[in-house]
Amino acid sequence: MISVRDRADARCVWAYHLMGHEARACSVVVGLGSHDLGVADVAVGLYRRGMAPLILFTGATSPTTRERMPRGEAVHYRERALELGVPGSVVLVEPRARNTGDNIRFSRAVLEEAGVDVSSVLLVSKPYEERRAYATASMWWPGVDIVCASAPMTFEEYVTSIGDERLVVDMLVGALQRLLVYPDQGFMTRQVVPDEVTAAYERLCRSGFTSRLVA
């Protein structure tokens, strides 16, 4: 169990990570690989709503997905989409990306090679990765409208789906740290972080939610 204060701070950080975009028709749905097959489900839902004529899944494997998705995140996402009835002809795979920057750069290259004219992207990620995905895509895919989407879940619902509240808070903290430090390294565009979000992040760090921080 975590404290009431820590849980309130986690909700604050969770809300900041959500971009609050309204889904609209785009050139393509791009699903960012992770441990969460729910990303594939959201991408399929957007396709079925007519939000894009094409889906691209991107992602290799990571230490957290190697056992669960041995054929690679993007491949497993595609298999999930096919299970849900999406025609294979509209699902592309980018199987090499190992970080968010790779996801964007490699997806862009695959679509260019396929001759797909992209003016807008529905970018699907885990809920707490929306803002990081947006900031990264804004850096590596300039001139393209980016609309972020994820499973419509509250912090509490996501904790229930994962089954480990401390791990979820660690991931929220890690995602925010990257938003703070990666712009200086040229990995993403800088996002405005409200003072109350920064304060919540710092308190969570002091409470020991640091396992997902980068050096």
Protein backbone atom coordinates (compact mmCIF):
# COMPACT_ATOMS: atom_id res chain seq x y z
CA MET A 1 0.00 0.00 0.00
CA ILE A 2 1.10 3.55 -0.66
CA SER A 3 0.14 6.61 1.34
CA VAL A 4 -2.87 8.81 0.66
CA ARG A 5 -0.50 11.69 -0.19
CA ASP A 6 1.48 9.58 -2.63
CA ARG A 7 -1.70 8.35 -4.29
CA ALA A 8 -2.95 11.92 -4.73
CA ASP A 9 0.39 12.91 -6.25
CA ALA A 10 0.25 9.91 -8.58
CA ARG A 11 -3.21 10.96 -9.79
CA CYS A 12 -1.85 14.44 -10.49
CA VAL A 13 1.03 13.06 -12.57
CA TRP A 14 -1.31 10.59 -14.32
CA ALA A 15 -3.64 13.41 -15.38
CA TYR A 16 -0.71 15.42 -16.77
CA HIS A 17 0.46 12.53 -18.95
CA LEU A 18 -2.92 12.43 -20.70
CA MET A 19 -3.05 14.82 -23.66
CA GLY A 20 -6.85 15.02 -23.73
CA HIS A 21 -7.03 14.83 -27.51
CA GLU A 22 -10.30 13.95 -29.20
CA ALA A 23 -9.90 11.18 -31.77
CA ARG A 24 -10.42 12.29 -35.35
CA ALA A 25 -9.80 10.87 -38.80
CA CYS A 26 -6.08 10.61 -39.63
CA SER A 27 -3.85 9.11 -42.31
CA VAL A 28 -2.80 6.15 -40.17
CA VAL A 29 -3.08 4.65 -36.69
CA VAL A 30 0.34 3.94 -35.17
CA GLY A 31 0.38 1.64 -32.13
CA LEU A 32 3.48 1.91 -29.96
CA GLY A 33 4.78 -1.43 -28.74
CA SER A 34 4.82 -2.28 -25.04
CA HIS A 35 3.79 -5.04 -22.64
CA ASP A 36 0.17 -3.92 -22.96
CA LEU A 37 -1.94 -5.61 -25.66
CA GLY A 38 -4.59 -3.04 -24.84
CA VAL A 39 -2.72 -0.69 -27.17
CA ALA A 40 -3.56 -3.02 -30.06
CA ASP A 41 -7.20 -3.15 -28.93
CA VAL A 42 -7.44 0.66 -28.94
CA ALA A 43 -5.83 0.83 -32.39
CA VAL A 44 -8.32 -1.71 -33.73
CA GLY A 45 -11.20 0.22 -32.20
CA LEU A 46 -10.10 3.41 -33.92
CA TYR A 47 -9.75 1.60 -37.24
CA ARG A 48 -13.24 0.14 -36.89
CA ARG A 49 -14.62 3.62 -36.22
CA GLY A 50 -13.21 4.73 -39.57
CA MET A 51 -10.56 6.94 -38.01
CA ALA A 52 -7.84 5.68 -40.39
CA PRO A 53 -7.58 3.28 -43.34
CA LEU A 54 -4.33 1.71 -42.10
CA ILE A 55 -2.73 0.48 -38.87
CA LEU A 56 0.99 0.28 -38.21
CA PHE A 57 2.34 -1.47 -35.11
CA THR A 58 5.90 -0.73 -34.03
CA GLY A 59 8.18 -2.43 -31.51
CA ALA A 60 10.81 -5.13 -31.05
CA THR A 61 11.23 -6.65 -27.59
CA SER A 62 12.45 -5.33 -24.25
CA PRO A 63 13.41 -6.97 -20.96
CA THR A 64 9.78 -6.62 -19.84
CA THR A 65 8.25 -8.10 -23.02
CA ARG A 66 10.77 -10.71 -24.17
CA GLU A 67 9.04 -13.64 -22.46
CA ARG A 68 5.48 -12.46 -22.99
CA MET A 69 5.98 -11.40 -26.62
CA PRO A 70 8.87 -13.51 -27.96
CA ARG A 71 8.08 -12.71 -31.62
CA GLY A 72 8.25 -8.98 -30.90
CA GLU A 73 5.72 -6.45 -29.67
CA ALA A 74 4.60 -5.29 -33.13
CA VAL A 75 4.15 -8.86 -34.36
CA HIS A 76 2.04 -9.81 -31.34
CA TYR A 77 0.00 -6.61 -31.76
CA ARG A 78 -0.65 -7.53 -35.41
CA GLU A 79 -1.71 -11.03 -34.41
CA ARG A 80 -4.11 -9.51 -31.90
CA ALA A 81 -5.58 -7.24 -34.59
CA LEU A 82 -6.09 -10.19 -36.92
CA GLU A 83 -7.77 -12.15 -34.11
CA LEU A 84 -10.16 -9.21 -33.75
CA GLY A 85 -11.06 -9.42 -37.44
CA VAL A 86 -8.93 -6.68 -38.99
CA PRO A 87 -7.80 -7.60 -42.55
CA GLY A 88 -4.10 -8.36 -42.71
CA SER A 89 -3.79 -6.14 -45.78
CA VAL A 90 -4.29 -3.00 -43.67
CA VAL A 91 -1.89 -3.87 -40.83
CA LEU A 92 1.79 -2.99 -41.26
CA VAL A 93 4.57 -4.01 -38.86
CA GLU A 94 7.74 -2.19 -37.87
CA PRO A 95 9.68 -4.82 -35.83
CA ARG A 96 12.96 -3.10 -34.89
CA ALA A 97 12.16 -0.19 -32.57
CA ARG A 98 13.44 -0.43 -29.01
CA ASN A 99 12.51 3.03 -27.71
CA THR A 100 9.98 5.75 -28.45
CA GLY A 101 12.32 7.65 -30.76
CA ASP A 102 12.88 4.48 -32.79
CA ASN A 103 9.11 3.89 -32.86
CA ILE A 104 8.56 7.22 -34.55
CA ARG A 105 11.57 7.28 -36.88
CA PHE A 106 11.23 3.68 -38.05
CA SER A 107 7.45 3.94 -38.48
CA ARG A 108 7.91 7.02 -40.62
CA ALA A 109 10.42 5.15 -42.79
CA VAL A 110 8.12 2.11 -43.21
CA LEU A 111 5.22 4.32 -44.29
CA GLU A 112 7.40 6.27 -46.70
CA GLU A 113 8.69 3.04 -48.23
CA ALA A 114 5.09 1.81 -48.59
CA GLY A 115 4.17 5.01 -50.39
CA VAL A 116 1.67 6.12 -47.75
CA ASP A 117 1.01 9.87 -47.77
CA VAL A 118 0.92 10.87 -44.11
CA SER A 119 -0.41 14.24 -43.01
CA SER A 120 -1.76 13.14 -39.61
CA VAL A 121 -1.22 10.28 -37.18
CA LEU A 122 -3.40 8.74 -34.50
CA LEU A 123 -0.69 7.76 -32.03
CA VAL A 124 -1.78 5.02 -29.62
CA SER A 125 0.16 4.28 -26.44
CA LYS A 126 -0.35 3.31 -22.82
CA PRO A 127 -2.26 6.11 -21.04
CA TYR A 128 0.71 7.42 -19.06
CA GLU A 129 2.88 7.51 -22.21
CA GLU A 130 0.62 9.84 -24.22
CA ARG A 131 2.56 13.04 -23.57
CA ARG A 132 5.93 11.36 -24.03
CA ALA A 133 4.74 9.91 -27.35
CA TYR A 134 3.47 13.33 -28.43
CA ALA A 135 6.70 15.12 -27.48
CA THR A 136 8.79 12.51 -29.29
CA ALA A 137 6.66 12.51 -32.44
CA SER A 138 6.71 16.30 -32.50
CA MET A 139 10.51 16.13 -32.63
CA TRP A 140 10.95 13.32 -35.17
CA TRP A 141 7.88 13.76 -37.40
CA PRO A 142 7.62 17.51 -37.99
CA GLY A 143 4.83 18.85 -40.15
CA VAL A 144 2.49 15.99 -39.27
CA ASP A 145 -0.54 16.49 -37.01
CA ILE A 146 -0.26 14.19 -34.00
CA VAL A 147 -3.42 13.04 -32.21
CA CYS A 148 -2.80 10.92 -29.11
CA ALA A 149 -5.06 8.11 -27.93
CA SER A 150 -5.03 5.40 -25.28
CA ALA A 151 -7.43 3.19 -23.36
CA PRO A 152 -9.88 5.46 -21.47
CA MET A 153 -8.87 4.44 -17.97
CA THR A 154 -8.57 6.19 -14.64
CA PHE A 155 -5.45 5.82 -12.52
CA GLU A 156 -7.30 3.36 -10.29
CA GLU A 157 -8.52 1.29 -13.23
CA TYR A 158 -5.02 1.08 -14.64
CA VAL A 159 -3.61 0.00 -11.28
CA THR A 160 -6.23 -2.75 -11.16
CA SER A 161 -5.31 -3.90 -14.67
CA ILE A 162 -1.61 -4.08 -13.78
CA GLY A 163 -2.08 -5.42 -10.27
CA ASP A 164 0.85 -3.53 -8.74
CA GLU A 165 0.22 0.04 -7.58
CA ARG A 166 3.84 0.75 -6.66
CA LEU A 167 5.04 -0.34 -10.09
CA VAL A 168 2.48 1.91 -11.79
CA VAL A 169 3.59 4.92 -9.75
CA ASP A 170 7.22 4.10 -10.55
CA MET A 171 6.32 4.13 -14.26
CA LEU A 172 4.47 7.44 -13.96
CA VAL A 173 7.48 9.01 -12.28
CA GLY A 174 9.89 7.58 -14.84
CA ALA A 175 7.80 8.86 -17.74
CA LEU A 176 7.73 12.36 -16.26
CA GLN A 177 11.46 12.39 -15.61
CA ARG A 178 12.04 11.71 -19.30
CA LEU A 179 9.82 14.64 -20.22
CA LEU A 180 12.03 16.81 -18.02
CA VAL A 181 15.47 15.62 -19.15
CA TYR A 182 15.14 14.28 -22.71
CA PRO A 183 14.51 17.65 -24.42
CA ASP A 184 18.02 18.77 -23.44
CA GLN A 185 19.36 15.60 -25.09
CA GLY A 186 17.46 16.28 -28.33
CA PHE A 187 15.10 13.32 -27.94
CA MET A 188 11.80 15.20 -27.75
CA THR A 189 10.23 18.64 -27.73
CA ARG A 190 9.94 20.43 -24.42
CA GLN A 191 6.59 20.32 -22.66
CA VAL A 192 5.32 22.86 -20.16
CA VAL A 193 5.10 21.15 -16.78
CA PRO A 194 2.85 22.94 -14.27
CA ASP A 195 4.35 23.67 -10.86
CA GLU A 196 1.88 21.38 -9.09
CA VAL A 197 2.92 18.47 -11.31
CA THR A 198 6.61 19.13 -10.69
CA ALA A 199 5.95 19.29 -6.94
CA ALA A 200 4.01 16.00 -7.03
CA TYR A 201 6.82 14.36 -9.01
CA GLU A 202 9.47 15.53 -6.55
CA ARG A 203 7.49 14.27 -3.56
CA LEU A 204 7.06 10.88 -5.22
CA CYS A 205 10.79 10.70 -5.85
CA ARG A 206 11.45 11.47 -2.18
CA SER A 207 8.98 8.71 -1.28
CA GLY A 208 11.14 6.23 -3.17
CA PHE A 209 9.28 5.77 -6.47
CA THR A 210 12.50 5.78 -8.42
CA SER A 211 12.95 2.35 -9.99
CA ARG A 212 12.13 3.63 -13.51
CA LEU A 213 14.35 6.72 -13.41
CA VAL A 214 17.20 7.02 -15.93
CA ALA A 215 20.66 7.91 -14.69
